[in-house]
PDB file of N, CA and C in Angstrom:
ATOM      1  N   UNK A   1       1.054  -1.063  -0.120  1.00  0.00           N
ATOM      2  CA  UNK A   1      -0.166   0.152  -0.083  1.00  0.00           C
ATOM      3  C   UNK A   1       1.000   1.162   0.181  1.00  0.00           C
ATOM      4  N   UNK A   2       0.609   2.232  -0.296  1.00  0.00           N
ATOM      5  CA  UNK A   2       0.792   3.558  -0.384  1.00  0.00           C
ATOM      6  C   UNK A   2       0.629   4.373   0.645  1.00  0.00           C
ATOM      7  N   UNK A   3       1.797   5.052   0.659  1.00  0.00           N
ATOM      8  CA  UNK A   3       1.536   6.101   1.987  1.00  0.00           C
ATOM      9  C   UNK A   3       0.986   7.273   1.895  1.00  0.00           C
ATOM     10  N   UNK A   4       0.384   7.510   2.903  1.00  0.00           N
ATOM     11  CA  UNK A   4      -0.803   8.598   2.426  1.00  0.00           C
ATOM     12  C   UNK A   4       0.270   9.905   2.842  1.00  0.00           C
ATOM     13  N   UNK A   5      -0.150  10.520   2.086  1.00  0.00           N
ATOM     14  CA  UNK A   5       0.832  12.441   1.995  1.00  0.00           C
ATOM     15  C   UNK A   5      -0.031  13.436   1.838  1.00  0.00           C
ATOM     16  N   UNK A   6      -0.060  14.119   3.033  1.00  0.00           N
ATOM     17  CA  UNK A   6      -1.032  15.660   3.234  1.00  0.00           C
ATOM     18  C   UNK A   6      -0.077  16.421   1.781  1.00  0.00           C
ATOM     19  N   UNK A   7      -0.644  16.155   0.591  1.00  0.00           N
ATOM     20  CA  UNK A   7      -0.837  17.116   0.167  1.00  0.00           C
ATOM     21  C   UNK A   7      -0.186  18.881   0.457  1.00  0.00           C
ATOM     22  N   UNK A   8      -0.951  19.758   1.201  1.00  0.00           N
ATOM     23  CA  UNK A   8      -0.684  20.758   1.655  1.00  0.00           C
ATOM     24  C   UNK A   8       0.914  21.183   2.360  1.00  0.00           C
ATOM     25  N   UNK A   9       1.032  19.935   3.196  1.00  0.00           N
ATOM     26  CA  UNK A   9       2.351  20.058   4.028  1.00  0.00           C
ATOM     27  C   UNK A   9       3.413  19.788   3.062  1.00  0.00           C
ATOM     28  N   UNK A  10       2.871  18.939   2.038  1.00  0.00           N
ATOM     29  CA  UNK A  10       4.545  18.671   1.246  1.00  0.00           C
ATOM     30  C   UNK A  10       4.473  20.354   0.378  1.00  0.00           C
ATOM     31  N   UNK A  11       3.347  20.687  -0.010  1.00  0.00           N
ATOM     32  CA  UNK A  11       3.751  21.763  -0.574  1.00  0.00           C
ATOM     33  C   UNK A  11       4.116  23.495   0.060  1.00  0.00           C
ATOM     34  N   UNK A  12       3.724  23.593   1.468  1.00  0.00           N
ATOM     35  CA  UNK A  12       4.345  23.940   2.047  1.00  0.00           C
ATOM     36  C   UNK A  12       5.838  24.131   2.537  1.00  0.00           C
ATOM     37  N   UNK A  13       6.322  22.450   2.410  1.00  0.00           N
ATOM     38  CA  UNK A  13       7.863  22.038   2.888  1.00  0.00           C
ATOM     39  C   UNK A  13       8.683  22.399   1.477  1.00  0.00           C
ATOM     40  N   UNK A  14       7.739  22.294   0.511  1.00  0.00           N
ATOM     41  CA  UNK A  14       8.517  22.745  -0.708  1.00  0.00           C
ATOM     42  C   UNK A  14       8.711  24.376  -0.806  1.00  0.00           C
ATOM     43  N   UNK A  15       7.930  25.048  -0.625  1.00  0.00           N
ATOM     44  CA  UNK A  15       7.877  26.096  -0.883  1.00  0.00           C
ATOM     45  C   UNK A  15       8.922  26.784   0.263  1.00  0.00           C
ATOM     46  N   UNK A  16       8.984  26.419   1.391  1.00  0.00           N
ATOM     47  CA  UNK A  16      10.183  27.117   2.448  1.00  0.00           C
ATOM     48  C   UNK A  16      11.480  26.346   1.992  1.00  0.00           C
ATOM     49  N   UNK A  17      11.591  25.373   1.348  1.00  0.00           N
ATOM     50  CA  UNK A  17      12.971  24.795   1.038  1.00  0.00           C
ATOM     51  C   UNK A  17      13.140  26.103   0.116  1.00  0.00           C
ATOM     52  N   UNK A  18      12.433  26.763  -0.886  1.00  0.00           N
ATOM     53  CA  UNK A  18      12.243  27.309  -2.090  1.00  0.00           C
ATOM     54  C   UNK A  18      13.134  28.498  -1.465  1.00  0.00           C
ATOM     55  N   UNK A  19      12.783  29.222  -0.325  1.00  0.00           N
ATOM     56  CA  UNK A  19      12.470  30.356  -0.240  1.00  0.00           C
ATOM     57  C   UNK A  19      14.083  30.650   0.705  1.00  0.00           C
ATOM     58  N   UNK A  20      14.110  29.352   1.664  1.00  0.00           N
ATOM     59  CA  UNK A  20      15.459  29.025   1.990  1.00  0.00           C
ATOM     60  C   UNK A  20      16.620  29.091   0.923  1.00  0.00           C
ATOM     61  N   UNK A  21      16.857  28.711   0.418  1.00  0.00           N
ATOM     62  CA  UNK A  21      17.625  28.765  -1.155  1.00  0.00           C
ATOM     63  C   UNK A  21      17.596  29.665  -1.878  1.00  0.00           C
ATOM     64  N   UNK A  22      16.578  30.909  -1.907  1.00  0.00           N
ATOM     65  CA  UNK A  22      16.690  32.157  -2.317  1.00  0.00           C
ATOM     66  C   UNK A  22      17.500  32.550  -1.208  1.00  0.00           C
ATOM     67  N   UNK A  23      17.028  32.807   0.019  1.00  0.00           N
ATOM     68  CA  UNK A  23      17.563  33.579   0.556  1.00  0.00           C
ATOM     69  C   UNK A  23      19.048  33.182   0.682  1.00  0.00           C
ATOM     70  N   UNK A  24      19.099  32.242   1.222  1.00  0.00           N
ATOM     71  CA  UNK A  24      20.819  31.876   1.132  1.00  0.00           C
ATOM     72  C   UNK A  24      21.442  32.420  -0.118  1.00  0.00           C
ATOM     73  N   UNK A  25      20.813  32.331  -1.324  1.00  0.00           N
ATOM     74  CA  UNK A  25      21.318  32.879  -2.774  1.00  0.00           C
ATOM     75  C   UNK A  25      21.957  34.365  -2.586  1.00  0.00           C
ATOM     76  N   UNK A  26      21.059  34.845  -1.933  1.00  0.00           N
ATOM     77  CA  UNK A  26      21.111  36.284  -1.692  1.00  0.00           C
ATOM     78  C   UNK A  26      21.968  36.674  -0.792  1.00  0.00           C
ATOM     79  N   UNK A  27      21.909  36.008   0.125  1.00  0.00           N
ATOM     80  CA  UNK A  27      22.930  36.106   1.295  1.00  0.00           C
ATOM     81  C   UNK A  27      24.408  36.218   0.811  1.00  0.00           C
ATOM     82  N   UNK A  28      24.461  35.265  -0.076  1.00  0.00           N
ATOM     83  CA  UNK A  28      26.067  35.052  -0.513  1.00  0.00           C
ATOM     84  C   UNK A  28      26.106  36.048  -1.814  1.00  0.00           C
ATOM     85  N   UNK A  29      25.325  36.541  -2.344  1.00  0.00           N
ATOM     86  CA  UNK A  29      25.410  37.635  -3.178  1.00  0.00           C
ATOM     87  C   UNK A  29      25.370  39.169  -2.688  1.00  0.00           C
ATOM     88  N   UNK A  30      24.714  39.341  -1.637  1.00  0.00           N
ATOM     89  CA  UNK A  30      25.115  41.306  -1.516  1.00  0.00           C
ATOM     90  C   UNK A  30      25.278  40.925   0.393  1.00  0.00           C
ATOM     91  N   UNK A  31      25.574  39.632   0.659  1.00  0.00           N
ATOM     92  CA  UNK A  31      25.779  39.763   2.335  1.00  0.00           C
ATOM     93  C   UNK A  31      27.379  40.054   2.436  1.00  0.00           C
ATOM     94  N   UNK A  32      28.051  41.069   2.387  1.00  0.00           N
ATOM     95  CA  UNK A  32      29.566  40.889   2.374  1.00  0.00           C
ATOM     96  C   UNK A  32      29.197  42.207   3.283  1.00  0.00           C
ATOM     97  N   UNK A  33      30.458  42.399   4.004  1.00  0.00           N
ATOM     98  CA  UNK A  33      30.913  43.266   4.601  1.00  0.00           C
ATOM     99  C   UNK A  33      31.222  44.621   4.394  1.00  0.00           C
ATOM    100  N   UNK A  34      31.402  45.917   4.723  1.00  0.00           N
ATOM    101  CA  UNK A  34      31.940  46.864   4.514  1.00  0.00           C
ATOM    102  C   UNK A  34      33.066  46.674   4.178  1.00  0.00           C
ATOM    103  N   UNK A  35      34.025  46.133   4.710  1.00  0.00           N
ATOM    104  CA  UNK A  35      35.106  46.136   4.304  1.00  0.00           C
ATOM    105  C   UNK A  35      35.627  45.457   3.237  1.00  0.00           C
ATOM    106  N   UNK A  36      35.097  44.124   2.861  1.00  0.00           N
ATOM    107  CA  UNK A  36      34.821  43.282   1.867  1.00  0.00           C
ATOM    108  C   UNK A  36      34.704  44.037   0.686  1.00  0.00           C
ATOM    109  N   UNK A  37      33.479  45.011   0.565  1.00  0.00           N
ATOM    110  CA  UNK A  37      32.995  45.634  -0.486  1.00  0.00           C
ATOM    111  C   UNK A  37      34.263  46.487  -0.945  1.00  0.00           C
ATOM    112  N   UNK A  38      34.684  47.558   0.412  1.00  0.00           N
ATOM    113  CA  UNK A  38      35.688  48.209  -0.142  1.00  0.00           C
ATOM    114  C   UNK A  38      36.883  47.766  -0.403  1.00  0.00           C
ATOM    115  N   UNK A  39      37.287  46.554  -0.193  1.00  0.00           N
ATOM    116  CA  UNK A  39      38.700  45.865  -0.865  1.00  0.00           C
ATOM    117  C   UNK A  39      38.306  45.237  -2.142  1.00  0.00           C
ATOM    118  N   UNK A  40      37.168  45.063  -2.729  1.00  0.00           N
ATOM    119  CA  UNK A  40      36.532  44.438  -3.787  1.00  0.00           C
ATOM    120  C   UNK A  40      36.606  45.752  -4.902  1.00  0.00           C
ATOM    121  N   UNK A  41      36.105  46.774  -4.436  1.00  0.00           N
ATOM    122  CA  UNK A  41      36.370  48.259  -4.905  1.00  0.00           C
ATOM    123  C   UNK A  41      37.588  48.732  -5.576  1.00  0.00           C
ATOM    124  N   UNK A  42      38.534  48.372  -4.324  1.00  0.00           N
ATOM    125  CA  UNK A  42      40.453  48.469  -4.653  1.00  0.00           C
ATOM    126  C   UNK A  42      40.552  47.827  -5.368  1.00  0.00           C
ATOM    127  N   UNK A  43      40.203  46.896  -5.474  1.00  0.00           N
ATOM    128  CA  UNK A  43      40.812  45.222  -6.180  1.00  0.00           C
ATOM    129  C   UNK A  43      40.514  45.885  -8.249  1.00  0.00           C
ATOM    130  N   UNK A  44      39.527  46.522  -7.679  1.00  0.00           N
ATOM    131  CA  UNK A  44      38.595  46.524  -9.633  1.00  0.00           C
ATOM    132  C   UNK A  44      39.342  48.008  -9.903  1.00  0.00           C
ATOM    133  N   UNK A  45      38.976  49.019  -8.850  1.00  0.00           N
ATOM    134  CA  UNK A  45      40.342  50.222  -9.670  1.00  0.00           C
ATOM    135  C   UNK A  45      41.601  49.731  -9.899  1.00  0.00           C
ATOM    136  N   UNK A  46      42.387  48.863  -9.072  1.00  0.00           N
ATOM    137  CA  UNK A  46      43.713  48.908  -9.713  1.00  0.00           C
ATOM    138  C   UNK A  46      43.628  48.536 -10.540  1.00  0.00           C
ATOM    139  N   UNK A  47      42.719  47.485 -11.406  1.00  0.00           N
ATOM    140  CA  UNK A  47      43.146  46.692 -12.013  1.00  0.00           C
ATOM    141  C   UNK A  47      42.772  47.451 -13.517  1.00  0.00           C
ATOM    142  N   UNK A  48      41.596  48.362 -12.720  1.00  0.00           N
ATOM    143  CA  UNK A  48      41.569  49.230 -14.331  1.00  0.00           C
ATOM    144  C   UNK A  48      42.353  50.349 -14.677  1.00  0.00           C
ATOM    145  N   UNK A  49      43.194  50.683 -13.247  1.00  0.00           N
ATOM    146  CA  UNK A  49      44.516  51.426 -13.811  1.00  0.00           C
ATOM    147  C   UNK A  49      45.059  50.963 -14.444  1.00  0.00           C
ATOM    148  N   UNK A  50      45.605  49.634 -14.094  1.00  0.00           N
ATOM    149  CA  UNK A  50      46.494  48.733 -14.407  1.00  0.00           C
ATOM    150  C   UNK A  50      46.410  48.439 -15.860  1.00  0.00           C
ATOM    151  N   UNK A  51      45.186  48.467 -16.453  1.00  0.00           N
ATOM    152  CA  UNK A  51      44.762  48.437 -17.512  1.00  0.00           C
ATOM    153  C   UNK A  51      44.878  49.490 -18.430  1.00  0.00           C
ATOM    154  N   UNK A  52      44.360  50.508 -18.346  1.00  0.00           N
ATOM    155  CA  UNK A  52      44.682  51.599 -18.723  1.00  0.00           C
ATOM    156  C   UNK A  52      46.091  52.235 -19.102  1.00  0.00           C
ATOM    157  N   UNK A  53      46.899  52.193 -18.250  1.00  0.00           N
ATOM    158  CA  UNK A  53      48.003  52.498 -17.952  1.00  0.00           C
ATOM    159  C   UNK A  53      48.983  51.649 -19.218  1.00  0.00           C
ATOM    160  N   UNK A  54      48.677  50.312 -19.759  1.00  0.00           N
ATOM    161  CA  UNK A  54      49.108  49.282 -20.475  1.00  0.00           C
ATOM    162  C   UNK A  54      48.915  49.748 -21.594  1.00  0.00           C
ATOM    163  N   UNK A  55      47.949  50.633 -21.877  1.00  0.00           N
ATOM    164  CA  UNK A  55      47.294  50.648 -23.407  1.00  0.00           C
ATOM    165  C   UNK A  55      48.181  51.648 -24.301  1.00  0.00           C
ATOM    166  N   UNK A  56      48.042  51.463 -25.461  1.00  0.00           N
ATOM    167  CA  UNK A  56      49.251  51.833 -26.859  1.00  0.00           C
ATOM    168  C   UNK A  56      47.975  53.428 -27.536  1.00  0.00           C
ATOM    169  N   UNK A  57      48.888  54.126 -27.502  1.00  0.00           N
ATOM    170  CA  UNK A  57      48.211  55.222 -28.001  1.00  0.00           C
ATOM    171  C   UNK A  57      48.256  55.504 -29.517  1.00  0.00           C
TER     172      UNK A  57
END
């Protein structure tokens, strides 16, 4: 015999899992400290300066 499943509970569990995955994704994307953002910006600026400095006229 098959196991009886409450579809509403399954739907809610699926929704919660999707919301948690979305939250984890956003935390990874936007969850940087101010120091980390500043470091990333400084590295990007240096890379841009180095690239601009190597351009030929």
